[in-house]
């Protein structure tokens, strides 16, 4: 249940900091 929560945090962090981080988070 916590995995999706972390994925959302990483997704939001990626959109705020770098789009590359967002792509890396999605590939995982």
C-alpha atoms as a PDB file:
ATOM      1  CA  UNK A   1       0.000   0.000   0.000  1.00  0.00           C
ATOM      2  CA  UNK A   2       2.968   2.308   0.563  1.00  0.00           C
ATOM      3  CA  UNK A   3       4.580   1.651  -2.811  1.00  0.00           C
ATOM      4  CA  UNK A   4       2.056   3.721  -4.751  1.00  0.00           C
ATOM      5  CA  UNK A   5       2.430   6.500  -2.199  1.00  0.00           C
ATOM      6  CA  UNK A   6       6.187   6.661  -2.759  1.00  0.00           C
ATOM      7  CA  UNK A   7       5.697   6.505  -6.524  1.00  0.00           C
ATOM      8  CA  UNK A   8       3.407   9.535  -6.352  1.00  0.00           C
ATOM      9  CA  UNK A   9       5.960  11.420  -4.243  1.00  0.00           C
ATOM     10  CA  UNK A  10       8.716  10.562  -6.711  1.00  0.00           C
ATOM     11  CA  UNK A  11       6.455  11.563  -9.594  1.00  0.00           C
ATOM     12  CA  UNK A  12       5.639  14.928  -8.018  1.00  0.00           C
ATOM     13  CA  UNK A  13       9.266  15.494  -7.066  1.00  0.00           C
ATOM     14  CA  UNK A  14      10.260  14.688 -10.645  1.00  0.00           C
ATOM     15  CA  UNK A  15       7.833  17.192 -12.113  1.00  0.00           C
ATOM     16  CA  UNK A  16       9.037  19.895  -9.726  1.00  0.00           C
ATOM     17  CA  UNK A  17      12.770  19.276 -10.011  1.00  0.00           C
ATOM     18  CA  UNK A  18      13.656  17.522 -13.286  1.00  0.00           C
ATOM     19  CA  UNK A  19      11.588  15.724 -15.923  1.00  0.00           C
ATOM     20  CA  UNK A  20      14.424  13.212 -16.200  1.00  0.00           C
ATOM     21  CA  UNK A  21      13.800  12.076 -12.628  1.00  0.00           C
ATOM     22  CA  UNK A  22      10.159  11.567 -13.513  1.00  0.00           C
ATOM     23  CA  UNK A  23      11.094   9.318 -16.429  1.00  0.00           C
ATOM     24  CA  UNK A  24      13.535   7.361 -14.251  1.00  0.00           C
ATOM     25  CA  UNK A  25      10.809   6.859 -11.641  1.00  0.00           C
ATOM     26  CA  UNK A  26       8.402   5.559 -14.283  1.00  0.00           C
ATOM     27  CA  UNK A  27      10.949   3.114 -15.674  1.00  0.00           C
ATOM     28  CA  UNK A  28      11.341   1.552 -12.228  1.00  0.00           C
END
